[in-house]
């Protein structure tokens, strides 16, 4: 009897820079508990990500496909696999001061996508936000001679398709990136960045999250 397939919760935040690649990235966390490495399949490409993994405790198979708003650089991206989730730091390919208006290419509401308020900062407050340099320095890149046996994620799509990733042990310094439990109402009625005027008349839901702003989570 096959296990049911469900879509995992995905949380995200971002930073942007028009001059420093190290400060131009997306935080992405796939909340999929107790997925052993042998059952985890991840295909990261410049424009999309595909994930699938069977949970031993939940008795379900998690699966999600994400098509990004813009290109990322798989070789300069980083990953951590824990017992609770899979966390990635995706390097944006284009150096640009402006934030992505959303994570996904298509502008539609998706129930599983939420803002990671622990990592989110407003675009105009990035200079004042605490730097993640220490965490980044302790991580290894996916491509080249970095972590995971020198796996080049940019070639996984052609060479291995949805093949599993060996050696996905936890990396030090990534604990702060792990997704936090979110109330179901965290992603409800999130204002869109393009509709700032309309959102002014709506109650400020951010007060429930320590005055952290609600950011668009539609694709």
N, C-alpha and C. Protein backbone atom coordinates (compact mmCIF):
# COMPACT_ATOMS: atom_id res chain seq x y z
N UNK A 1 0.85 -1.19 0.00
CA UNK A 1 0.00 0.00 0.00
C UNK A 1 0.89 1.24 0.00
N UNK A 2 0.68 2.12 -0.98
CA UNK A 2 1.51 3.30 -1.10
C UNK A 2 1.10 4.36 -0.10
N UNK A 3 2.06 5.17 0.32
CA UNK A 3 1.78 6.24 1.26
C UNK A 3 1.19 7.44 0.53
N UNK A 4 0.35 8.22 1.19
CA UNK A 4 -0.21 9.40 0.54
C UNK A 4 0.86 10.44 0.28
N UNK A 5 0.67 11.23 -0.77
CA UNK A 5 1.61 12.29 -1.12
C UNK A 5 1.03 13.64 -0.70
N UNK A 6 1.81 14.42 0.04
CA UNK A 6 1.37 15.73 0.51
C UNK A 6 2.42 16.78 0.16
N UNK A 7 1.98 18.02 0.11
CA UNK A 7 2.90 19.13 -0.14
C UNK A 7 3.44 19.66 1.18
N UNK A 8 4.75 19.72 1.36
CA UNK A 8 5.30 20.23 2.63
C UNK A 8 5.17 21.74 2.73
N UNK A 9 5.21 22.23 3.95
CA UNK A 9 5.27 23.67 4.15
C UNK A 9 6.63 24.17 3.68
N UNK A 10 6.64 25.31 3.00
CA UNK A 10 7.88 25.94 2.53
C UNK A 10 7.91 27.37 3.05
N UNK A 11 9.01 27.74 3.71
CA UNK A 11 9.16 29.12 4.19
C UNK A 11 10.34 29.77 3.47
N UNK A 12 10.29 31.10 3.36
CA UNK A 12 11.37 31.79 2.65
C UNK A 12 11.56 33.21 3.16
N UNK A 13 12.76 33.72 2.89
CA UNK A 13 13.12 35.10 3.14
C UNK A 13 14.23 35.42 2.13
N UNK A 14 14.67 36.67 2.07
CA UNK A 14 15.67 37.01 1.07
C UNK A 14 16.51 38.20 1.49
N UNK A 15 17.66 38.34 0.82
CA UNK A 15 18.51 39.52 0.88
C UNK A 15 18.84 39.90 -0.56
N UNK A 16 19.25 41.15 -0.76
CA UNK A 16 19.60 41.58 -2.11
C UNK A 16 20.77 42.55 -2.08
N UNK A 17 21.53 42.54 -3.16
CA UNK A 17 22.67 43.45 -3.30
C UNK A 17 23.01 43.60 -4.77
N UNK A 18 23.39 44.80 -5.18
CA UNK A 18 23.79 45.03 -6.56
C UNK A 18 25.30 44.97 -6.73
N UNK A 19 26.03 44.65 -5.62
CA UNK A 19 27.49 44.63 -5.71
C UNK A 19 28.14 43.44 -5.02
N UNK A 20 27.47 42.83 -4.04
CA UNK A 20 28.07 41.76 -3.25
C UNK A 20 27.28 40.46 -3.41
N UNK A 21 27.81 39.49 -4.15
CA UNK A 21 27.09 38.22 -4.34
C UNK A 21 26.80 37.50 -3.04
N UNK A 22 27.67 37.69 -2.03
CA UNK A 22 27.49 37.01 -0.76
C UNK A 22 26.27 37.51 0.01
N UNK A 23 25.74 38.66 -0.41
CA UNK A 23 24.57 39.23 0.26
C UNK A 23 23.39 39.33 -0.70
N UNK A 24 23.32 38.38 -1.60
CA UNK A 24 22.28 38.39 -2.64
C UNK A 24 21.71 36.98 -2.76
N UNK A 25 20.79 36.63 -1.86
CA UNK A 25 20.38 35.23 -1.79
C UNK A 25 18.97 35.08 -1.26
N UNK A 26 18.47 33.84 -1.33
CA UNK A 26 17.15 33.47 -0.82
C UNK A 26 17.32 32.38 0.22
N UNK A 27 16.70 32.55 1.40
CA UNK A 27 16.59 31.48 2.39
C UNK A 27 15.36 30.65 2.03
N UNK A 28 15.52 29.35 1.98
CA UNK A 28 14.39 28.47 1.65
C UNK A 28 14.42 27.26 2.58
N UNK A 29 13.31 26.99 3.25
CA UNK A 29 13.21 25.84 4.14
C UNK A 29 12.02 24.99 3.74
N UNK A 30 12.27 23.70 3.51
CA UNK A 30 11.22 22.73 3.22
C UNK A 30 11.00 21.92 4.49
N UNK A 31 9.83 22.08 5.09
CA UNK A 31 9.54 21.42 6.36
C UNK A 31 9.03 20.01 6.08
N UNK A 32 9.94 19.05 6.17
CA UNK A 32 9.62 17.64 5.91
C UNK A 32 10.36 16.81 6.94
N UNK A 33 9.65 16.40 7.99
CA UNK A 33 10.28 15.73 9.12
C UNK A 33 10.60 14.27 8.83
N UNK A 34 11.72 13.84 9.38
CA UNK A 34 12.11 12.42 9.39
C UNK A 34 12.13 11.80 8.01
N UNK A 35 12.78 12.49 7.09
CA UNK A 35 12.99 11.95 5.74
C UNK A 35 14.45 11.48 5.66
N UNK A 36 14.69 10.17 5.66
CA UNK A 36 16.08 9.69 5.60
C UNK A 36 16.72 10.03 4.27
N UNK A 37 18.05 10.13 4.30
CA UNK A 37 18.77 10.48 3.08
C UNK A 37 18.48 9.52 1.93
N UNK A 38 18.26 8.25 2.26
CA UNK A 38 18.02 7.25 1.22
C UNK A 38 16.71 7.48 0.50
N UNK A 39 15.79 8.22 1.13
CA UNK A 39 14.48 8.47 0.52
C UNK A 39 14.31 9.92 0.07
N UNK A 40 15.38 10.68 0.10
CA UNK A 40 15.30 12.09 -0.24
C UNK A 40 15.83 12.33 -1.65
N UNK A 41 15.02 12.99 -2.47
CA UNK A 41 15.42 13.31 -3.83
C UNK A 41 15.26 14.81 -4.04
N UNK A 42 16.34 15.45 -4.49
CA UNK A 42 16.32 16.89 -4.68
C UNK A 42 17.01 17.24 -5.99
N UNK A 43 16.32 17.98 -6.82
CA UNK A 43 16.87 18.43 -8.10
C UNK A 43 16.82 19.96 -8.11
N UNK A 44 17.99 20.59 -7.99
CA UNK A 44 18.08 22.05 -7.98
C UNK A 44 18.68 22.53 -9.29
N UNK A 45 17.94 23.35 -10.00
CA UNK A 45 18.38 23.91 -11.27
C UNK A 45 18.25 25.42 -11.21
N UNK A 46 18.82 26.14 -12.20
CA UNK A 46 18.81 27.61 -12.13
C UNK A 46 17.43 28.23 -12.01
N UNK A 47 16.42 27.59 -12.58
CA UNK A 47 15.08 28.20 -12.58
C UNK A 47 14.06 27.47 -11.73
N UNK A 48 14.44 26.32 -11.16
CA UNK A 48 13.43 25.55 -10.43
C UNK A 48 14.06 24.57 -9.45
N UNK A 49 13.22 24.08 -8.56
CA UNK A 49 13.61 23.06 -7.59
C UNK A 49 12.51 22.02 -7.50
N UNK A 50 12.93 20.76 -7.44
CA UNK A 50 11.99 19.66 -7.24
C UNK A 50 12.46 18.86 -6.02
N UNK A 51 11.52 18.58 -5.12
CA UNK A 51 11.84 17.83 -3.91
C UNK A 51 10.83 16.71 -3.71
N UNK A 52 11.34 15.56 -3.25
CA UNK A 52 10.46 14.45 -2.90
C UNK A 52 11.14 13.62 -1.83
N UNK A 53 10.41 13.22 -0.81
CA UNK A 53 10.99 12.41 0.26
C UNK A 53 9.92 11.77 1.10
N UNK A 54 10.15 10.54 1.52
CA UNK A 54 9.20 9.79 2.34
C UNK A 54 9.54 9.94 3.81
N UNK A 55 8.56 10.31 4.62
CA UNK A 55 8.74 10.49 6.06
C UNK A 55 8.47 9.19 6.78
N UNK A 56 9.42 8.78 7.63
CA UNK A 56 9.25 7.54 8.38
C UNK A 56 8.27 7.70 9.53
N UNK A 57 8.13 8.91 10.08
CA UNK A 57 7.25 9.14 11.23
C UNK A 57 5.84 9.53 10.81
N UNK A 58 5.73 10.33 9.75
CA UNK A 58 4.42 10.81 9.31
C UNK A 58 3.71 9.84 8.37
N UNK A 59 4.47 8.87 7.85
CA UNK A 59 3.91 7.89 6.92
C UNK A 59 3.28 8.56 5.70
N UNK A 60 3.97 9.58 5.19
CA UNK A 60 3.54 10.26 3.98
C UNK A 60 4.77 10.51 3.11
N UNK A 61 4.52 10.80 1.85
CA UNK A 61 5.58 11.21 0.94
C UNK A 61 5.41 12.69 0.65
N UNK A 62 6.43 13.47 0.99
CA UNK A 62 6.40 14.90 0.70
C UNK A 62 6.89 15.14 -0.72
N UNK A 63 6.23 16.04 -1.43
CA UNK A 63 6.65 16.37 -2.79
C UNK A 63 6.26 17.81 -3.11
N UNK A 64 7.19 18.54 -3.72
CA UNK A 64 6.90 19.91 -4.12
C UNK A 64 7.81 20.31 -5.28
N UNK A 65 7.27 21.09 -6.19
CA UNK A 65 8.02 21.65 -7.31
C UNK A 65 7.89 23.17 -7.26
N UNK A 66 9.01 23.87 -7.32
CA UNK A 66 9.02 25.32 -7.26
C UNK A 66 9.71 25.89 -8.49
N UNK A 67 9.06 26.81 -9.17
CA UNK A 67 9.69 27.51 -10.28
C UNK A 67 9.95 28.94 -9.82
N UNK A 68 11.22 29.32 -9.78
CA UNK A 68 11.62 30.57 -9.16
C UNK A 68 11.25 31.79 -9.99
N UNK A 69 11.12 32.92 -9.30
CA UNK A 69 10.82 34.18 -9.97
C UNK A 69 11.94 34.56 -10.94
N UNK A 70 13.19 34.31 -10.53
CA UNK A 70 14.35 34.60 -11.38
C UNK A 70 15.39 33.51 -11.15
N UNK A 71 16.48 33.55 -11.90
CA UNK A 71 17.47 32.48 -11.83
C UNK A 71 18.31 32.56 -10.56
N UNK A 72 18.71 31.36 -10.11
CA UNK A 72 19.68 31.25 -9.02
C UNK A 72 20.91 30.51 -9.55
N UNK A 73 21.97 30.51 -8.76
CA UNK A 73 23.21 29.83 -9.14
C UNK A 73 23.35 28.57 -8.28
N UNK A 74 23.01 27.39 -8.81
CA UNK A 74 23.07 26.17 -8.00
C UNK A 74 24.46 25.89 -7.43
N UNK A 75 25.51 26.20 -8.18
CA UNK A 75 26.87 25.89 -7.73
C UNK A 75 27.29 26.71 -6.52
N UNK A 76 26.68 27.88 -6.35
CA UNK A 76 27.01 28.75 -5.22
C UNK A 76 25.97 28.67 -4.12
N UNK A 77 25.03 27.76 -4.25
CA UNK A 77 23.99 27.60 -3.25
C UNK A 77 24.41 26.58 -2.21
N UNK A 78 23.73 26.57 -1.06
CA UNK A 78 24.14 25.75 0.07
C UNK A 78 22.93 25.05 0.68
N UNK A 79 23.19 23.99 1.43
CA UNK A 79 22.09 23.17 1.93
C UNK A 79 22.42 22.55 3.28
N UNK A 80 21.37 22.28 4.05
CA UNK A 80 21.49 21.50 5.28
C UNK A 80 20.27 20.59 5.38
N UNK A 81 20.51 19.33 5.72
CA UNK A 81 19.43 18.36 5.92
C UNK A 81 19.42 17.97 7.39
N UNK A 82 18.32 18.25 8.07
CA UNK A 82 18.18 17.87 9.48
C UNK A 82 17.02 16.89 9.59
N UNK A 83 16.76 16.44 10.82
CA UNK A 83 15.65 15.53 11.02
C UNK A 83 14.30 16.19 10.84
N UNK A 84 14.30 17.52 10.85
CA UNK A 84 13.03 18.24 10.76
C UNK A 84 12.76 18.84 9.39
N UNK A 85 13.82 19.28 8.70
CA UNK A 85 13.59 19.99 7.44
C UNK A 85 14.84 19.98 6.57
N UNK A 86 14.70 20.54 5.39
CA UNK A 86 15.80 20.76 4.46
C UNK A 86 15.89 22.26 4.25
N UNK A 87 17.02 22.85 4.58
CA UNK A 87 17.20 24.29 4.48
C UNK A 87 18.24 24.60 3.42
N UNK A 88 17.92 25.56 2.56
CA UNK A 88 18.82 25.95 1.49
C UNK A 88 19.06 27.45 1.51
N UNK A 89 20.25 27.85 1.09
CA UNK A 89 20.56 29.24 0.82
C UNK A 89 20.87 29.32 -0.67
N UNK A 90 19.98 29.93 -1.42
CA UNK A 90 20.07 29.96 -2.88
C UNK A 90 20.64 31.29 -3.33
N UNK A 91 21.78 31.25 -4.00
CA UNK A 91 22.42 32.48 -4.48
C UNK A 91 21.68 32.99 -5.72
N UNK A 92 21.20 34.21 -5.65
CA UNK A 92 20.57 34.82 -6.82
C UNK A 92 21.62 35.05 -7.90
N UNK A 93 21.26 34.78 -9.13
CA UNK A 93 22.22 34.93 -10.23
C UNK A 93 22.48 36.39 -10.56
N UNK A 94 21.43 37.18 -10.57
CA UNK A 94 21.57 38.59 -10.95
C UNK A 94 21.77 39.46 -9.71
N UNK A 95 22.84 40.24 -9.74
CA UNK A 95 23.08 41.22 -8.69
C UNK A 95 22.12 42.38 -8.88
N UNK A 96 21.28 42.60 -7.89
CA UNK A 96 20.25 43.63 -8.02
C UNK A 96 19.86 44.13 -6.65
N UNK A 97 19.74 45.44 -6.52
CA UNK A 97 19.41 46.03 -5.22
C UNK A 97 17.99 45.71 -4.79
N UNK A 98 17.08 45.61 -5.76
CA UNK A 98 15.68 45.39 -5.43
C UNK A 98 15.42 43.93 -5.05
N UNK A 99 14.52 43.74 -4.11
CA UNK A 99 14.05 42.40 -3.75
C UNK A 99 13.28 41.78 -4.91
N UNK A 100 13.26 40.45 -4.93
CA UNK A 100 12.29 39.78 -5.76
C UNK A 100 10.91 40.13 -5.21
N UNK A 101 9.94 40.42 -6.06
CA UNK A 101 8.59 40.73 -5.55
C UNK A 101 7.89 39.51 -4.96
N UNK A 102 8.35 38.32 -5.32
CA UNK A 102 7.80 37.07 -4.81
C UNK A 102 8.82 35.96 -5.08
N UNK A 103 8.62 34.82 -4.47
CA UNK A 103 9.54 33.70 -4.67
C UNK A 103 9.33 32.99 -5.99
N UNK A 104 8.08 32.81 -6.36
CA UNK A 104 7.76 31.97 -7.51
C UNK A 104 7.47 32.79 -8.76
N UNK A 105 7.64 32.14 -9.91
CA UNK A 105 7.47 32.80 -11.19
C UNK A 105 6.04 33.27 -11.40
N UNK A 106 5.09 32.36 -11.15
CA UNK A 106 3.69 32.69 -11.38
C UNK A 106 3.09 33.39 -10.17
N UNK A 107 2.30 34.39 -10.44
CA UNK A 107 1.70 35.19 -9.37
C UNK A 107 0.34 34.59 -8.99
N UNK A 108 0.40 33.53 -8.21
CA UNK A 108 -0.82 32.90 -7.71
C UNK A 108 -0.61 32.57 -6.24
N UNK A 109 -1.71 32.46 -5.52
CA UNK A 109 -1.65 32.13 -4.10
C UNK A 109 -1.43 30.63 -3.94
N UNK A 110 -0.44 30.24 -3.13
CA UNK A 110 -0.22 28.84 -2.81
C UNK A 110 -0.27 28.68 -1.30
N UNK A 111 -1.03 27.69 -0.84
CA UNK A 111 -1.31 27.56 0.59
C UNK A 111 -0.09 27.16 1.41
N UNK A 112 0.88 26.49 0.78
CA UNK A 112 2.00 25.93 1.54
C UNK A 112 3.16 26.89 1.72
N UNK A 113 3.16 28.03 1.03
CA UNK A 113 4.29 28.95 1.05
C UNK A 113 4.07 30.05 2.08
N UNK A 114 5.05 30.21 2.99
CA UNK A 114 4.94 31.19 4.06
C UNK A 114 6.24 31.99 4.19
N UNK A 115 6.11 33.15 4.77
CA UNK A 115 7.28 33.99 5.04
C UNK A 115 8.01 33.49 6.29
N UNK A 116 9.34 33.42 6.20
CA UNK A 116 10.16 33.11 7.37
C UNK A 116 10.46 34.43 8.08
N UNK A 117 9.62 34.75 9.07
CA UNK A 117 9.76 36.04 9.74
C UNK A 117 11.01 36.13 10.59
N UNK A 118 11.60 34.98 10.96
CA UNK A 118 12.84 35.01 11.72
C UNK A 118 14.01 35.52 10.88
N UNK A 119 13.88 35.40 9.57
CA UNK A 119 14.97 35.81 8.69
C UNK A 119 14.64 37.03 7.84
N UNK A 120 13.37 37.38 7.76
CA UNK A 120 12.98 38.46 6.86
C UNK A 120 13.36 39.83 7.41
N UNK A 121 13.84 40.71 6.52
CA UNK A 121 14.01 42.13 6.82
C UNK A 121 13.49 42.90 5.63
N UNK A 122 13.08 44.14 5.86
CA UNK A 122 12.63 44.97 4.76
C UNK A 122 13.80 45.33 3.86
N UNK A 123 13.49 45.56 2.61
CA UNK A 123 14.52 45.87 1.62
C UNK A 123 15.37 47.07 2.03
N UNK A 124 14.72 48.09 2.60
CA UNK A 124 15.45 49.31 2.96
C UNK A 124 16.09 49.23 4.34
N UNK A 125 16.00 48.07 5.00
CA UNK A 125 16.61 47.92 6.32
C UNK A 125 17.70 46.85 6.33
N UNK A 126 18.15 46.43 5.16
CA UNK A 126 19.14 45.36 5.09
C UNK A 126 20.47 45.74 5.71
N UNK A 127 20.86 47.01 5.56
CA UNK A 127 22.16 47.45 6.09
C UNK A 127 22.18 47.39 7.61
N UNK A 128 21.02 47.56 8.25
CA UNK A 128 20.96 47.53 9.70
C UNK A 128 20.74 46.12 10.25
N UNK A 129 20.38 45.19 9.38
CA UNK A 129 20.08 43.83 9.83
C UNK A 129 21.38 43.10 10.21
N UNK A 130 21.32 42.21 11.21
CA UNK A 130 22.52 41.44 11.58
C UNK A 130 23.02 40.62 10.40
N UNK A 131 24.32 40.62 10.21
CA UNK A 131 24.91 39.87 9.11
C UNK A 131 24.93 38.38 9.42
N UNK A 132 24.86 37.58 8.39
CA UNK A 132 24.90 36.13 8.53
C UNK A 132 26.27 35.58 8.12
N UNK A 133 27.30 36.43 8.20
CA UNK A 133 28.62 36.02 7.72
C UNK A 133 29.15 34.80 8.44
N UNK A 134 29.00 34.75 9.75
CA UNK A 134 29.54 33.61 10.50
C UNK A 134 28.89 32.31 10.06
N UNK A 135 27.57 32.36 9.90
CA UNK A 135 26.85 31.17 9.47
C UNK A 135 27.31 30.75 8.07
N UNK A 136 27.42 31.73 7.18
CA UNK A 136 27.81 31.42 5.80
C UNK A 136 29.22 30.83 5.73
N UNK A 137 30.12 31.36 6.54
CA UNK A 137 31.50 30.89 6.51
C UNK A 137 31.63 29.45 6.97
N UNK A 138 30.68 28.99 7.77
CA UNK A 138 30.74 27.63 8.28
C UNK A 138 30.08 26.63 7.32
N UNK A 139 29.47 27.13 6.28
CA UNK A 139 28.79 26.26 5.33
C UNK A 139 29.67 25.99 4.12
N UNK A 140 29.38 24.89 3.43
CA UNK A 140 30.09 24.55 2.21
C UNK A 140 29.17 24.70 1.01
N UNK A 141 29.70 25.18 -0.11
CA UNK A 141 28.87 25.28 -1.32
C UNK A 141 28.53 23.91 -1.87
N UNK A 142 27.46 23.84 -2.63
CA UNK A 142 27.04 22.58 -3.22
C UNK A 142 27.97 22.13 -4.35
N UNK A 143 28.41 23.08 -5.16
CA UNK A 143 29.18 22.71 -6.34
C UNK A 143 30.66 22.65 -6.07
N UNK A 144 31.42 22.32 -7.11
CA UNK A 144 32.87 22.28 -7.02
C UNK A 144 33.36 21.25 -6.04
N UNK A 145 34.34 21.63 -5.20
CA UNK A 145 34.92 20.72 -4.23
C UNK A 145 34.34 20.92 -2.83
N UNK A 146 33.15 21.53 -2.78
CA UNK A 146 32.55 21.81 -1.49
C UNK A 146 31.88 20.59 -0.89
N UNK A 147 30.82 20.83 -0.16
CA UNK A 147 30.14 19.76 0.55
C UNK A 147 29.49 18.74 -0.35
N UNK A 148 29.04 17.65 0.26
CA UNK A 148 28.31 16.60 -0.43
C UNK A 148 29.16 15.93 -1.50
N UNK A 149 30.42 15.71 -1.21
CA UNK A 149 31.27 14.98 -2.13
C UNK A 149 31.52 15.70 -3.44
N UNK A 150 31.46 17.03 -3.42
CA UNK A 150 31.71 17.78 -4.64
C UNK A 150 30.59 17.70 -5.64
N UNK A 151 29.36 17.44 -5.20
CA UNK A 151 28.23 17.37 -6.12
C UNK A 151 28.00 18.73 -6.74
N UNK A 152 27.84 18.75 -8.06
CA UNK A 152 27.49 19.96 -8.78
C UNK A 152 26.00 19.91 -9.06
N UNK A 153 25.22 20.69 -8.29
CA UNK A 153 23.77 20.62 -8.42
C UNK A 153 23.29 21.10 -9.78
N UNK A 154 24.08 21.92 -10.46
CA UNK A 154 23.65 22.42 -11.76
C UNK A 154 23.61 21.32 -12.80
N UNK A 155 24.26 20.17 -12.52
CA UNK A 155 24.29 19.07 -13.46
C UNK A 155 23.34 17.93 -13.07
N UNK A 156 22.69 18.07 -11.90
CA UNK A 156 21.85 16.98 -11.44
C UNK A 156 20.67 16.74 -12.35
N UNK A 157 20.11 17.80 -12.89
CA UNK A 157 18.94 17.62 -13.73
C UNK A 157 19.21 16.74 -14.93
N UNK A 158 20.37 16.94 -15.57
CA UNK A 158 20.69 16.17 -16.76
C UNK A 158 21.29 14.82 -16.42
N UNK A 159 22.14 14.78 -15.40
CA UNK A 159 22.89 13.56 -15.13
C UNK A 159 22.13 12.58 -14.25
N UNK A 160 21.39 13.12 -13.24
CA UNK A 160 20.76 12.25 -12.28
C UNK A 160 19.27 12.45 -12.15
N UNK A 161 18.72 13.46 -12.82
CA UNK A 161 17.30 13.70 -12.70
C UNK A 161 16.92 13.94 -11.27
N UNK A 162 16.08 13.08 -10.73
CA UNK A 162 15.65 13.23 -9.35
C UNK A 162 16.42 12.29 -8.43
N UNK A 163 17.63 11.97 -8.77
CA UNK A 163 18.43 11.05 -7.97
C UNK A 163 18.70 11.60 -6.59
N UNK A 164 18.90 10.73 -5.63
CA UNK A 164 19.12 11.13 -4.25
C UNK A 164 20.49 11.76 -4.06
N UNK A 165 20.65 12.47 -2.97
CA UNK A 165 21.89 13.15 -2.66
C UNK A 165 22.60 12.43 -1.53
N UNK A 166 23.81 11.94 -1.78
CA UNK A 166 24.55 11.28 -0.70
C UNK A 166 25.16 12.30 0.24
N UNK A 167 25.42 11.83 1.44
CA UNK A 167 26.21 12.64 2.38
C UNK A 167 25.53 13.89 2.85
N UNK A 168 24.20 13.88 3.00
CA UNK A 168 23.52 15.10 3.41
C UNK A 168 23.49 15.22 4.91
N UNK A 169 24.64 15.21 5.53
CA UNK A 169 24.70 15.37 6.98
C UNK A 169 24.50 16.81 7.37
N UNK A 170 24.14 17.05 8.64
CA UNK A 170 23.91 18.41 9.10
C UNK A 170 25.21 19.20 9.10
N UNK A 171 25.10 20.46 8.75
CA UNK A 171 26.26 21.33 8.73
C UNK A 171 26.22 22.26 9.93
N UNK A 172 27.35 22.58 10.51
CA UNK A 172 27.36 23.51 11.64
C UNK A 172 26.96 24.90 11.20
N UNK A 173 26.36 25.62 12.12
CA UNK A 173 26.04 27.00 11.85
C UNK A 173 24.75 27.22 11.11
N UNK A 174 24.01 26.15 10.81
CA UNK A 174 22.79 26.32 10.07
C UNK A 174 21.55 26.28 10.94
N UNK A 175 21.73 26.10 12.26
CA UNK A 175 20.56 25.94 13.11
C UNK A 175 19.63 27.13 13.03
N UNK A 176 20.19 28.32 12.88
CA UNK A 176 19.35 29.50 12.83
C UNK A 176 18.49 29.58 11.60
N UNK A 177 18.80 28.77 10.57
CA UNK A 177 18.02 28.82 9.35
C UNK A 177 16.83 27.89 9.38
N UNK A 178 16.79 26.98 10.33
CA UNK A 178 15.72 26.01 10.33
C UNK A 178 14.39 26.70 10.52
N UNK A 179 13.37 26.23 9.78
CA UNK A 179 12.06 26.84 9.84
C UNK A 179 11.42 26.69 11.20
N UNK A 180 10.68 27.70 11.61
CA UNK A 180 9.97 27.66 12.88
C UNK A 180 8.53 27.28 12.61
N UNK A 181 7.89 26.70 13.61
CA UNK A 181 6.48 26.37 13.49
C UNK A 181 5.70 27.64 13.23
N UNK A 182 4.77 27.59 12.30
CA UNK A 182 3.98 28.75 11.96
C UNK A 182 2.52 28.46 12.20
N UNK A 183 1.80 29.45 12.74
CA UNK A 183 0.36 29.32 12.86
C UNK A 183 -0.25 29.38 11.48
N UNK A 184 -1.37 28.71 11.31
CA UNK A 184 -2.00 28.64 9.99
C UNK A 184 -2.35 30.01 9.46
N UNK A 185 -2.61 30.98 10.36
CA UNK A 185 -3.03 32.29 9.89
C UNK A 185 -1.85 33.16 9.49
N UNK A 186 -0.61 32.67 9.63
CA UNK A 186 0.55 33.47 9.24
C UNK A 186 0.54 33.82 7.77
N UNK A 187 0.00 32.92 6.93
CA UNK A 187 0.07 33.15 5.50
C UNK A 187 -1.27 33.54 4.91
N UNK A 188 -2.25 33.85 5.77
CA UNK A 188 -3.55 34.23 5.27
C UNK A 188 -3.58 35.72 4.99
N UNK A 189 -4.17 36.09 3.86
CA UNK A 189 -4.38 37.49 3.49
C UNK A 189 -3.10 38.29 3.56
N UNK A 190 -2.03 37.71 3.06
CA UNK A 190 -0.75 38.42 3.06
C UNK A 190 -0.81 39.53 2.00
N UNK A 191 -0.45 40.76 2.34
CA UNK A 191 -0.50 41.85 1.35
C UNK A 191 0.55 41.66 0.27
N UNK A 192 0.20 42.05 -0.94
CA UNK A 192 1.14 41.95 -2.05
C UNK A 192 1.98 43.22 -2.10
N UNK A 193 3.25 43.04 -2.49
CA UNK A 193 4.14 44.19 -2.55
C UNK A 193 3.66 45.21 -3.57
N UNK A 194 3.01 44.70 -4.63
CA UNK A 194 2.56 45.59 -5.69
C UNK A 194 1.35 46.41 -5.26
N UNK A 195 0.69 46.04 -4.17
CA UNK A 195 -0.54 46.70 -3.76
C UNK A 195 -0.39 47.38 -2.41
N UNK A 196 0.67 48.16 -2.28
CA UNK A 196 0.94 48.80 -1.00
C UNK A 196 -0.19 49.74 -0.59
N UNK A 197 -0.81 50.44 -1.58
CA UNK A 197 -1.85 51.38 -1.25
C UNK A 197 -3.06 50.67 -0.66
N UNK A 198 -3.40 49.52 -1.27
CA UNK A 198 -4.55 48.78 -0.76
C UNK A 198 -4.30 48.23 0.62
N UNK A 199 -3.06 47.89 0.90
CA UNK A 199 -2.76 47.24 2.17
C UNK A 199 -2.74 48.22 3.33
N UNK A 200 -2.71 49.54 3.03
CA UNK A 200 -2.63 50.51 4.11
C UNK A 200 -3.88 50.49 4.98
N UNK A 201 -5.04 50.15 4.37
CA UNK A 201 -6.29 50.18 5.10
C UNK A 201 -6.59 48.88 5.81
N UNK A 202 -5.71 47.88 5.67
CA UNK A 202 -5.94 46.58 6.31
C UNK A 202 -5.29 46.57 7.69
N UNK A 203 -5.87 45.83 8.64
CA UNK A 203 -5.25 45.74 9.98
C UNK A 203 -3.85 45.20 9.87
N UNK A 204 -3.00 45.70 10.77
CA UNK A 204 -1.59 45.29 10.74
C UNK A 204 -1.45 43.95 11.41
N UNK A 205 -1.42 42.88 10.61
CA UNK A 205 -1.28 41.53 11.16
C UNK A 205 0.12 41.27 11.66
N UNK A 206 1.07 42.18 11.30
CA UNK A 206 2.46 41.94 11.69
C UNK A 206 2.68 42.01 13.18
N UNK A 207 1.75 42.69 13.92
CA UNK A 207 1.97 42.84 15.36
C UNK A 207 2.01 41.52 16.07
N UNK A 208 1.36 40.51 15.50
CA UNK A 208 1.37 39.19 16.13
C UNK A 208 2.70 38.50 15.96
N UNK A 209 3.56 39.03 15.11
CA UNK A 209 4.87 38.40 14.89
C UNK A 209 5.98 39.34 15.27
N UNK A 210 5.78 40.10 16.33
CA UNK A 210 6.85 40.99 16.80
C UNK A 210 7.07 42.15 15.88
N UNK A 211 5.95 42.73 15.28
CA UNK A 211 6.04 43.88 14.38
C UNK A 211 6.83 43.57 13.14
N UNK A 212 6.99 42.31 12.79
CA UNK A 212 7.67 41.97 11.54
C UNK A 212 6.66 42.04 10.40
N UNK A 213 7.03 42.61 9.26
CA UNK A 213 6.04 42.87 8.20
C UNK A 213 5.59 41.60 7.53
N UNK A 214 4.35 41.63 7.11
CA UNK A 214 3.84 40.55 6.26
C UNK A 214 4.27 40.84 4.83
N UNK A 215 4.81 39.86 4.18
CA UNK A 215 5.29 40.03 2.82
C UNK A 215 4.53 39.08 1.90
N UNK A 216 4.37 39.51 0.67
CA UNK A 216 3.62 38.70 -0.29
C UNK A 216 4.16 37.28 -0.40
N UNK A 217 3.29 36.31 -0.36
CA UNK A 217 3.69 34.92 -0.47
C UNK A 217 2.94 34.23 -1.60
N UNK A 218 2.53 35.04 -2.58
CA UNK A 218 1.89 34.42 -3.74
C UNK A 218 2.93 34.14 -4.77
N UNK A 219 2.65 33.18 -5.64
CA UNK A 219 3.57 32.89 -6.72
C UNK A 219 2.97 33.40 -8.01
